[in-house]
Amino acid sequence: MDGSKSADGIWSEQHGGGDAVLLLVHGLGANGAVWDPLLELAIQSWPGKIVVPDLRGHGRSDHRDNYSFGTMAADLAGLIAPGARVSIIGHSLGGLLGAFLGSGWFGVEVDDVLALSVKMKWSPEEIEKGRAVARNPVKWLPSRDEALGRYLRVSGLDASAARIRRSADAGIVERDGSYRLAMDGRVFGTASLGVRTIVDAARCPVAFATGEADPLAPSADFAELGVPVTIIGGAGHQVPVEAPADVWRLFSDAHRSAAKPSA
């Protein structure tokens, strides 16, 4: 995977080439390297280009003042060449951004989206808590190990540390012997726009899946909102890391179903 930063300050890694693009979009608090377990499968099977970005304010991408869903979706659209056909696998926030790109409002032709572990319901208290976290000052830590541990906890990946070492390395930065999360804490203030509004805006097929034991995106929330969802057995919230083979199989099936018939 070759990595570089765009003129807009968005880091992405790319593999392969062609007009068929697979875009892998990580969730809140993580970075693109979290896809490494699934990427091993995707590289073997995907016939075109694979693009794996770090969202603004995450990992190796630049920090910004605005972390709205619209600005993050526009960042992703800027990574796609004109005329390319795009399929998206997104996790949590990334799944929602994938559905948003599927609206067609960002000038990208999206064929299909697999949205994993999207939190469908947000209470006013949860939204305010996120905004409160976004107002907190930067926390510097005295050691690399402490910073790595904090990254894994904040991103919900502490149970999968051995599988995502690159993501952990990209998740922290050092300055003058002190360490902090690479993520801008202000990204936690983004959960104010209604999730269902974005889901309903998608014009392409969007398949939803969630882990059987996902506390943030339980299947009952999808059922309550009338959104069909596939349950991935034995998995929690971090399904791309916990069950990459199941996710890739689900995506492959959904992608074939969404494919347009030949003329």
C-alpha atoms as a PDB file:
ATOM      1  CA  MET A   1       0.000   0.000   0.000  1.00  0.00           C
ATOM      2  CA  ASP A   2       1.380   3.391  -1.022  1.00  0.00           C
ATOM      3  CA  GLY A   3       0.441   6.253   1.285  1.00  0.00           C
ATOM      4  CA  SER A   4       0.372  10.003   0.690  1.00  0.00           C
ATOM      5  CA  LYS A   5      -1.389  13.164   1.826  1.00  0.00           C
ATOM      6  CA  SER A   6      -3.652  15.079  -0.561  1.00  0.00           C
ATOM      7  CA  ALA A   7      -3.511  18.834  -1.122  1.00  0.00           C
ATOM      8  CA  ASP A   8      -6.444  19.031   1.302  1.00  0.00           C
ATOM      9  CA  GLY A   9      -4.435  17.330   4.040  1.00  0.00           C
ATOM     10  CA  ILE A  10      -6.161  13.927   3.859  1.00  0.00           C
ATOM     11  CA  TRP A  11      -3.884  10.902   4.193  1.00  0.00           C
ATOM     12  CA  SER A  12      -4.793   7.803   2.207  1.00  0.00           C
ATOM     13  CA  GLU A  13      -3.217   4.539   1.174  1.00  0.00           C
ATOM     14  CA  GLN A  14      -3.939   2.972  -2.182  1.00  0.00           C
ATOM     15  CA  HIS A  15      -3.500  -0.424  -3.792  1.00  0.00           C
ATOM     16  CA  GLY A  16      -4.047  -1.454  -7.384  1.00  0.00           C
ATOM     17  CA  GLY A  17      -5.601   0.587 -10.167  1.00  0.00           C
ATOM     18  CA  GLY A  18      -8.572   0.954 -12.452  1.00  0.00           C
ATOM     19  CA  ASP A  19     -11.981   2.630 -12.490  1.00  0.00           C
ATOM     20  CA  ALA A  20     -13.560   0.244  -9.972  1.00  0.00           C
ATOM     21  CA  VAL A  21     -12.749   1.722  -6.561  1.00  0.00           C
ATOM     22  CA  LEU A  22     -13.260   0.119  -3.161  1.00  0.00           C
ATOM     23  CA  LEU A  23     -13.265   2.785  -0.453  1.00  0.00           C
ATOM     24  CA  LEU A  24     -12.716   1.620   3.136  1.00  0.00           C
ATOM     25  CA  VAL A  25     -13.800   4.227   5.703  1.00  0.00           C
ATOM     26  CA  HIS A  26     -12.924   3.792   9.379  1.00  0.00           C
ATOM     27  CA  GLY A  27     -14.974   4.811  12.383  1.00  0.00           C
ATOM     28  CA  LEU A  28     -14.747   7.591  14.956  1.00  0.00           C
ATOM     29  CA  GLY A  29     -11.450   7.616  16.849  1.00  0.00           C
ATOM     30  CA  ALA A  30      -9.617   5.109  14.622  1.00  0.00           C
ATOM     31  CA  ASN A  31      -7.617   5.494  11.383  1.00  0.00           C
ATOM     32  CA  GLY A  32      -7.317   3.730   8.049  1.00  0.00           C
ATOM     33  CA  ALA A  33      -4.793   1.152   9.256  1.00  0.00           C
ATOM     34  CA  VAL A  34      -7.552  -0.444  11.327  1.00  0.00           C
ATOM     35  CA  TRP A  35      -8.663  -2.121   8.076  1.00  0.00           C
ATOM     36  CA  ASP A  36      -5.467  -4.203   7.829  1.00  0.00           C
ATOM     37  CA  PRO A  37      -7.130  -7.536   8.759  1.00  0.00           C
ATOM     38  CA  LEU A  38      -9.822  -7.088   6.103  1.00  0.00           C
ATOM     39  CA  LEU A  39      -7.419  -5.561   3.609  1.00  0.00           C
ATOM     40  CA  GLU A  40      -5.552  -8.840   3.343  1.00  0.00           C
ATOM     41  CA  LEU A  41      -8.726 -10.382   1.916  1.00  0.00           C
ATOM     42  CA  ALA A  42      -9.684  -7.406  -0.234  1.00  0.00           C
ATOM     43  CA  ILE A  43      -6.318  -7.246  -2.005  1.00  0.00           C
ATOM     44  CA  GLN A  44      -6.698 -10.875  -3.051  1.00  0.00           C
ATOM     45  CA  SER A  45     -10.167 -10.379  -4.553  1.00  0.00           C
ATOM     46  CA  TRP A  46     -10.921  -6.795  -5.539  1.00  0.00           C
ATOM     47  CA  PRO A  47     -10.232  -6.231  -9.272  1.00  0.00           C
ATOM     48  CA  GLY A  48      -9.618  -2.479  -9.164  1.00  0.00           C
ATOM     49  CA  LYS A  49      -8.226   0.168  -6.846  1.00  0.00           C
ATOM     50  CA  ILE A  50      -8.533   0.115  -3.047  1.00  0.00           C
ATOM     51  CA  VAL A  51      -8.458   3.480  -1.250  1.00  0.00           C
ATOM     52  CA  VAL A  52      -8.051   3.605   2.538  1.00  0.00           C
ATOM     53  CA  PRO A  53      -8.129   7.129   4.018  1.00  0.00           C
ATOM     54  CA  ASP A  54      -7.681   8.608   7.452  1.00  0.00           C
ATOM     55  CA  LEU A  55     -10.641  10.925   8.064  1.00  0.00           C
ATOM     56  CA  ARG A  56      -9.846  14.568   8.817  1.00  0.00           C
ATOM     57  CA  GLY A  57      -8.707  14.964  12.387  1.00  0.00           C
ATOM     58  CA  HIS A  58      -7.704  11.291  12.608  1.00  0.00           C
ATOM     59  CA  GLY A  59      -4.408   9.448  12.272  1.00  0.00           C
ATOM     60  CA  ARG A  60      -2.124  11.008   9.700  1.00  0.00           C
ATOM     61  CA  SER A  61      -4.625  13.499   8.247  1.00  0.00           C
ATOM     62  CA  ASP A  62      -4.636  17.180   9.171  1.00  0.00           C
ATOM     63  CA  HIS A  63      -6.765  18.679  11.913  1.00  0.00           C
ATOM     64  CA  ARG A  64      -9.511  21.111  10.911  1.00  0.00           C
ATOM     65  CA  ASP A  65     -11.999  23.392  12.640  1.00  0.00           C
ATOM     66  CA  ASN A  66     -15.038  21.757  11.014  1.00  0.00           C
ATOM     67  CA  TYR A  67     -15.867  18.074  11.552  1.00  0.00           C
ATOM     68  CA  SER A  68     -19.370  17.953  10.134  1.00  0.00           C
ATOM     69  CA  PHE A  69     -20.558  14.905   8.227  1.00  0.00           C
ATOM     70  CA  GLY A  70     -20.685  17.028   5.083  1.00  0.00           C
ATOM     71  CA  THR A  71     -17.068  18.184   5.265  1.00  0.00           C
ATOM     72  CA  MET A  72     -15.818  14.648   5.945  1.00  0.00           C
ATOM     73  CA  ALA A  73     -17.865  13.224   3.070  1.00  0.00           C
ATOM     74  CA  ALA A  74     -16.494  15.941   0.769  1.00  0.00           C
ATOM     75  CA  ASP A  75     -12.940  14.994   1.815  1.00  0.00           C
ATOM     76  CA  LEU A  76     -13.609  11.414   0.773  1.00  0.00           C
ATOM     77  CA  ALA A  77     -15.130  12.483  -2.540  1.00  0.00           C
ATOM     78  CA  GLY A  78     -11.952  14.425  -3.267  1.00  0.00           C
ATOM     79  CA  LEU A  79      -9.953  11.184  -3.205  1.00  0.00           C
ATOM     80  CA  ILE A  80     -11.983   9.641  -6.036  1.00  0.00           C
ATOM     81  CA  ALA A  81     -11.030  10.260  -9.650  1.00  0.00           C
ATOM     82  CA  PRO A  82     -13.783  11.611 -11.944  1.00  0.00           C
ATOM     83  CA  GLY A  83     -15.702   8.827 -13.665  1.00  0.00           C
ATOM     84  CA  ALA A  84     -14.717   6.117 -11.192  1.00  0.00           C
ATOM     85  CA  ARG A  85     -17.351   3.717  -9.905  1.00  0.00           C
ATOM     86  CA  VAL A  86     -17.173   3.330  -6.165  1.00  0.00           C
ATOM     87  CA  SER A  87     -18.119   0.624  -3.682  1.00  0.00           C
ATOM     88  CA  ILE A  88     -17.794   1.448   0.000  1.00  0.00           C
ATOM     89  CA  ILE A  89     -17.331  -0.499   3.201  1.00  0.00           C
ATOM     90  CA  GLY A  90     -17.629   1.825   6.161  1.00  0.00           C
ATOM     91  CA  HIS A  91     -17.509   1.152   9.876  1.00  0.00           C
ATOM     92  CA  SER A  92     -19.635   3.115  12.365  1.00  0.00           C
ATOM     93  CA  LEU A  93     -19.104   6.786  11.430  1.00  0.00           C
ATOM     94  CA  GLY A  94     -17.515   5.529   8.209  1.00  0.00           C
ATOM     95  CA  GLY A  95     -20.653   3.574   7.339  1.00  0.00           C
ATOM     96  CA  LEU A  96     -22.750   6.682   7.753  1.00  0.00           C
ATOM     97  CA  LEU A  97     -20.352   8.681   5.581  1.00  0.00           C
ATOM     98  CA  GLY A  98     -20.565   5.954   2.944  1.00  0.00           C
ATOM     99  CA  ALA A  99     -24.350   6.271   2.868  1.00  0.00           C
ATOM    100  CA  PHE A 100     -23.965  10.056   2.641  1.00  0.00           C
ATOM    101  CA  LEU A 101     -21.668   9.715  -0.380  1.00  0.00           C
ATOM    102  CA  GLY A 102     -24.336   7.431  -1.855  1.00  0.00           C
ATOM    103  CA  SER A 103     -26.710  10.401  -1.973  1.00  0.00           C
ATOM    104  CA  GLY A 104     -24.970  11.650  -5.102  1.00  0.00           C
ATOM    105  CA  TRP A 105     -24.605  15.111  -3.564  1.00  0.00           C
ATOM    106  CA  PHE A 106     -20.812  14.941  -3.584  1.00  0.00           C
ATOM    107  CA  GLY A 107     -20.248  14.176  -7.268  1.00  0.00           C
ATOM    108  CA  VAL A 108     -19.250  10.547  -6.743  1.00  0.00           C
ATOM    109  CA  GLU A 109     -20.911   7.595  -8.478  1.00  0.00           C
ATOM    110  CA  VAL A 110     -21.466   5.099  -5.667  1.00  0.00           C
ATOM    111  CA  ASP A 111     -22.670   1.651  -6.707  1.00  0.00           C
ATOM    112  CA  ASP A 112     -23.179   0.122  -3.269  1.00  0.00           C
ATOM    113  CA  VAL A 113     -22.375   0.549   0.415  1.00  0.00           C
ATOM    114  CA  LEU A 114     -21.892  -1.916   3.244  1.00  0.00           C
ATOM    115  CA  ALA A 115     -22.410   0.044   6.460  1.00  0.00           C
ATOM    116  CA  LEU A 116     -21.131  -1.739   9.552  1.00  0.00           C
ATOM    117  CA  SER A 117     -22.080  -1.030  13.164  1.00  0.00           C
ATOM    118  CA  VAL A 118     -23.734   2.338  12.532  1.00  0.00           C
ATOM    119  CA  LYS A 119     -25.170   3.799  15.719  1.00  0.00           C
ATOM    120  CA  MET A 120     -28.754   4.402  14.659  1.00  0.00           C
ATOM    121  CA  LYS A 121     -30.118   6.103  17.761  1.00  0.00           C
ATOM    122  CA  TRP A 122     -28.612   9.072  19.590  1.00  0.00           C
ATOM    123  CA  SER A 123     -30.151  10.466  22.746  1.00  0.00           C
ATOM    124  CA  PRO A 124     -29.820  14.191  23.551  1.00  0.00           C
ATOM    125  CA  GLU A 125     -27.617  13.169  26.493  1.00  0.00           C
ATOM    126  CA  GLU A 126     -25.245  11.227  24.223  1.00  0.00           C
ATOM    127  CA  ILE A 127     -24.995  14.130  21.795  1.00  0.00           C
ATOM    128  CA  GLU A 128     -24.216  16.563  24.601  1.00  0.00           C
ATOM    129  CA  LYS A 129     -21.631  14.190  26.061  1.00  0.00           C
ATOM    130  CA  GLY A 130     -19.832  14.109  22.704  1.00  0.00           C
ATOM    131  CA  ARG A 131     -19.852  17.881  22.549  1.00  0.00           C
ATOM    132  CA  ALA A 132     -18.463  18.065  26.078  1.00  0.00           C
ATOM    133  CA  VAL A 133     -15.606  15.710  25.148  1.00  0.00           C
ATOM    134  CA  ALA A 134     -14.900  17.866  22.096  1.00  0.00           C
ATOM    135  CA  ARG A 135     -14.355  20.859  24.399  1.00  0.00           C
ATOM    136  CA  ASN A 136     -11.761  19.099  26.554  1.00  0.00           C
ATOM    137  CA  PRO A 137      -8.141  20.284  26.272  1.00  0.00           C
ATOM    138  CA  VAL A 138      -5.502  18.080  24.648  1.00  0.00           C
ATOM    139  CA  LYS A 139      -4.195  15.451  27.058  1.00  0.00           C
ATOM    140  CA  TRP A 140      -0.438  14.824  26.900  1.00  0.00           C
ATOM    141  CA  LEU A 141       0.969  11.616  28.359  1.00  0.00           C
ATOM    142  CA  PRO A 142       4.527  10.923  29.589  1.00  0.00           C
ATOM    143  CA  SER A 143       5.081   7.619  27.773  1.00  0.00           C
ATOM    144  CA  ARG A 144       4.424   5.993  24.431  1.00  0.00           C
ATOM    145  CA  ASP A 145       2.869   2.934  26.066  1.00  0.00           C
ATOM    146  CA  GLU A 146       0.338   5.053  27.938  1.00  0.00           C
ATOM    147  CA  ALA A 147      -0.588   6.856  24.736  1.00  0.00           C
ATOM    148  CA  LEU A 148      -0.955   3.580  22.831  1.00  0.00           C
ATOM    149  CA  GLY A 149      -3.206   2.242  25.575  1.00  0.00           C
ATOM    150  CA  ARG A 150      -5.340   5.363  25.487  1.00  0.00           C
ATOM    151  CA  TYR A 151      -5.711   5.150  21.707  1.00  0.00           C
ATOM    152  CA  LEU A 152      -6.865   1.552  21.943  1.00  0.00           C
ATOM    153  CA  ARG A 153      -9.402   2.391  24.654  1.00  0.00           C
ATOM    154  CA  VAL A 154     -10.791   5.493  22.948  1.00  0.00           C
ATOM    155  CA  SER A 155     -11.182   3.708  19.629  1.00  0.00           C
ATOM    156  CA  GLY A 156     -12.648   0.591  21.258  1.00  0.00           C
ATOM    157  CA  LEU A 157      -9.831  -1.592  19.956  1.00  0.00           C
ATOM    158  CA  ASP A 158      -8.099  -2.684  23.142  1.00  0.00           C
ATOM    159  CA  ALA A 159      -9.249  -6.280  22.693  1.00  0.00           C
ATOM    160  CA  SER A 160      -7.723  -6.385  19.190  1.00  0.00           C
ATOM    161  CA  ALA A 161      -4.355  -4.717  19.792  1.00  0.00           C
ATOM    162  CA  ALA A 162      -2.257  -7.539  18.351  1.00  0.00           C
ATOM    163  CA  ARG A 163      -4.050  -7.361  14.991  1.00  0.00           C
ATOM    164  CA  ILE A 164      -3.839  -3.607  14.466  1.00  0.00           C
ATOM    165  CA  ARG A 165      -0.317  -2.584  15.414  1.00  0.00           C
ATOM    166  CA  ARG A 166      -0.031  -0.179  12.474  1.00  0.00           C
ATOM    167  CA  SER A 167      -3.257   1.518  13.508  1.00  0.00           C
ATOM    168  CA  ALA A 168      -2.003   1.967  17.055  1.00  0.00           C
ATOM    169  CA  ASP A 169       1.262   3.485  15.785  1.00  0.00           C
ATOM    170  CA  ALA A 170      -0.667   5.893  13.544  1.00  0.00           C
ATOM    171  CA  GLY A 171      -3.013   6.736  16.394  1.00  0.00           C
ATOM    172  CA  ILE A 172      -0.483   8.662  18.496  1.00  0.00           C
ATOM    173  CA  VAL A 173       2.028  11.472  17.990  1.00  0.00           C
ATOM    174  CA  GLU A 174       5.093  12.556  19.978  1.00  0.00           C
ATOM    175  CA  ARG A 175       6.344  16.038  20.807  1.00  0.00           C
ATOM    176  CA  ASP A 176       9.332  16.843  22.998  1.00  0.00           C
ATOM    177  CA  GLY A 177       9.135  13.492  24.770  1.00  0.00           C
ATOM    178  CA  SER A 178       5.390  13.638  25.486  1.00  0.00           C
ATOM    179  CA  TYR A 179       2.625  11.793  23.638  1.00  0.00           C
ATOM    180  CA  ARG A 180      -0.956  12.509  22.665  1.00  0.00           C
ATOM    181  CA  LEU A 181      -3.624  10.953  20.497  1.00  0.00           C
ATOM    182  CA  ALA A 182      -3.223  11.819  16.826  1.00  0.00           C
ATOM    183  CA  MET A 183      -6.973  12.353  16.709  1.00  0.00           C
ATOM    184  CA  ASP A 184      -8.352  15.826  17.284  1.00  0.00           C
ATOM    185  CA  GLY A 185     -10.745  15.489  20.238  1.00  0.00           C
ATOM    186  CA  ARG A 186     -13.115  17.949  18.579  1.00  0.00           C
ATOM    187  CA  VAL A 187     -14.283  15.185  16.233  1.00  0.00           C
ATOM    188  CA  PHE A 188     -16.506  13.923  19.055  1.00  0.00           C
ATOM    189  CA  GLY A 189     -18.803  16.899  18.544  1.00  0.00           C
ATOM    190  CA  THR A 190     -20.120  15.613  15.179  1.00  0.00           C
ATOM    191  CA  ALA A 191     -23.091  13.485  16.252  1.00  0.00           C
ATOM    192  CA  SER A 192     -25.730  16.201  15.934  1.00  0.00           C
ATOM    193  CA  LEU A 193     -27.196  15.459  12.506  1.00  0.00           C
ATOM    194  CA  GLY A 194     -29.943  12.846  12.395  1.00  0.00           C
ATOM    195  CA  VAL A 195     -28.585   9.501  11.259  1.00  0.00           C
ATOM    196  CA  ARG A 196     -31.864   8.502   9.631  1.00  0.00           C
ATOM    197  CA  THR A 197     -31.825  11.664   7.501  1.00  0.00           C
ATOM    198  CA  ILE A 198     -28.553  10.570   5.932  1.00  0.00           C
ATOM    199  CA  VAL A 199     -29.616   6.944   5.538  1.00  0.00           C
ATOM    200  CA  ASP A 200     -32.768   8.006   3.705  1.00  0.00           C
ATOM    201  CA  ALA A 201     -30.768  10.267   1.375  1.00  0.00           C
ATOM    202  CA  ALA A 202     -28.796   7.389  -0.170  1.00  0.00           C
ATOM    203  CA  ARG A 203     -29.713   6.636  -3.784  1.00  0.00           C
ATOM    204  CA  CYS A 204     -27.647   3.462  -4.062  1.00  0.00           C
ATOM    205  CA  PRO A 205     -28.136   0.106  -2.320  1.00  0.00           C
ATOM    206  CA  VAL A 206     -26.977   0.300   1.297  1.00  0.00           C
ATOM    207  CA  ALA A 207     -26.657  -2.954   3.254  1.00  0.00           C
ATOM    208  CA  PHE A 208     -26.387  -2.742   7.031  1.00  0.00           C
ATOM    209  CA  ALA A 209     -24.691  -5.211   9.354  1.00  0.00           C
ATOM    210  CA  THR A 210     -23.841  -5.187  13.024  1.00  0.00           C
ATOM    211  CA  GLY A 211     -22.193  -7.444  15.562  1.00  0.00           C
ATOM    212  CA  GLU A 212     -24.330  -9.800  17.589  1.00  0.00           C
ATOM    213  CA  ALA A 213     -22.928  -8.280  20.791  1.00  0.00           C
ATOM    214  CA  ASP A 214     -22.532  -4.677  19.607  1.00  0.00           C
ATOM    215  CA  PRO A 215     -23.502  -2.381  22.514  1.00  0.00           C
ATOM    216  CA  LEU A 216     -23.462   0.775  20.372  1.00  0.00           C
ATOM    217  CA  ALA A 217     -25.386  -0.488  17.365  1.00  0.00           C
ATOM    218  CA  PRO A 218     -27.685  -3.260  18.650  1.00  0.00           C
ATOM    219  CA  SER A 219     -29.871  -5.012  16.121  1.00  0.00           C
ATOM    220  CA  ALA A 220     -32.963  -3.931  18.088  1.00  0.00           C
ATOM    221  CA  ASP A 221     -32.294  -0.298  17.160  1.00  0.00           C
ATOM    222  CA  PHE A 222     -32.327  -1.177  13.450  1.00  0.00           C
ATOM    223  CA  ALA A 223     -35.554  -3.140  13.874  1.00  0.00           C
ATOM    224  CA  GLU A 224     -37.198  -0.249  15.715  1.00  0.00           C
ATOM    225  CA  LEU A 225     -36.403   2.078  12.818  1.00  0.00           C
ATOM    226  CA  GLY A 226     -37.439  -0.448  10.182  1.00  0.00           C
ATOM    227  CA  VAL A 227     -33.934  -0.820   8.745  1.00  0.00           C
ATOM    228  CA  PRO A 228     -32.993  -4.364   7.648  1.00  0.00           C
ATOM    229  CA  VAL A 229     -29.715  -5.515   9.184  1.00  0.00           C
ATOM    230  CA  THR A 230     -27.529  -8.602   9.015  1.00  0.00           C
ATOM    231  CA  ILE A 231     -26.215  -9.831  12.357  1.00  0.00           C
ATOM    232  CA  ILE A 232     -22.596 -11.029  12.464  1.00  0.00           C
ATOM    233  CA  GLY A 233     -22.426 -13.759  15.059  1.00  0.00           C
ATOM    234  CA  GLY A 234     -19.956 -13.551  17.925  1.00  0.00           C
ATOM    235  CA  ALA A 235     -18.796 -10.032  17.056  1.00  0.00           C
ATOM    236  CA  GLY A 236     -19.014  -6.791  18.990  1.00  0.00           C
ATOM    237  CA  HIS A 237     -18.689  -3.263  17.657  1.00  0.00           C
ATOM    238  CA  GLN A 238     -15.350  -3.681  15.859  1.00  0.00           C
ATOM    239  CA  VAL A 239     -16.581  -6.191  13.294  1.00  0.00           C
ATOM    240  CA  PRO A 240     -13.976  -5.445  10.559  1.00  0.00           C
ATOM    241  CA  VAL A 241     -11.229  -6.424  13.012  1.00  0.00           C
ATOM    242  CA  GLU A 242     -13.081  -9.152  14.912  1.00  0.00           C
ATOM    243  CA  ALA A 243     -14.675 -10.905  11.906  1.00  0.00           C
ATOM    244  CA  PRO A 244     -12.958  -9.757   8.678  1.00  0.00           C
ATOM    245  CA  ALA A 245     -13.782 -12.934   6.743  1.00  0.00           C
ATOM    246  CA  ASP A 246     -17.481 -12.595   7.591  1.00  0.00           C
ATOM    247  CA  VAL A 247     -17.457  -8.936   6.597  1.00  0.00           C
ATOM    248  CA  TRP A 248     -15.732  -9.634   3.282  1.00  0.00           C
ATOM    249  CA  ARG A 249     -18.149 -12.451   2.485  1.00  0.00           C
ATOM    250  CA  LEU A 250     -21.097 -10.216   3.298  1.00  0.00           C
ATOM    251  CA  PHE A 251     -19.728  -7.400   1.165  1.00  0.00           C
ATOM    252  CA  SER A 252     -19.040  -9.729  -1.768  1.00  0.00           C
ATOM    253  CA  ASP A 253     -22.593 -11.059  -1.664  1.00  0.00           C
ATOM    254  CA  ALA A 254     -24.117  -7.568  -1.387  1.00  0.00           C
ATOM    255  CA  HIS A 255     -21.869  -6.247  -4.165  1.00  0.00           C
ATOM    256  CA  ARG A 256     -22.935  -9.000  -6.537  1.00  0.00           C
ATOM    257  CA  SER A 257     -26.595  -8.356  -5.718  1.00  0.00           C
ATOM    258  CA  ALA A 258     -26.188  -4.637  -6.381  1.00  0.00           C
ATOM    259  CA  ALA A 259     -24.324  -5.091  -9.667  1.00  0.00           C
ATOM    260  CA  LYS A 260     -26.200  -3.756 -12.665  1.00  0.00           C
ATOM    261  CA  PRO A 261     -27.090  -6.332 -15.348  1.00  0.00           C
ATOM    262  CA  SER A 262     -25.036  -6.290 -18.519  1.00  0.00           C
ATOM    263  CA  ALA A 263     -26.530  -4.448 -21.474  1.00  0.00           C
END
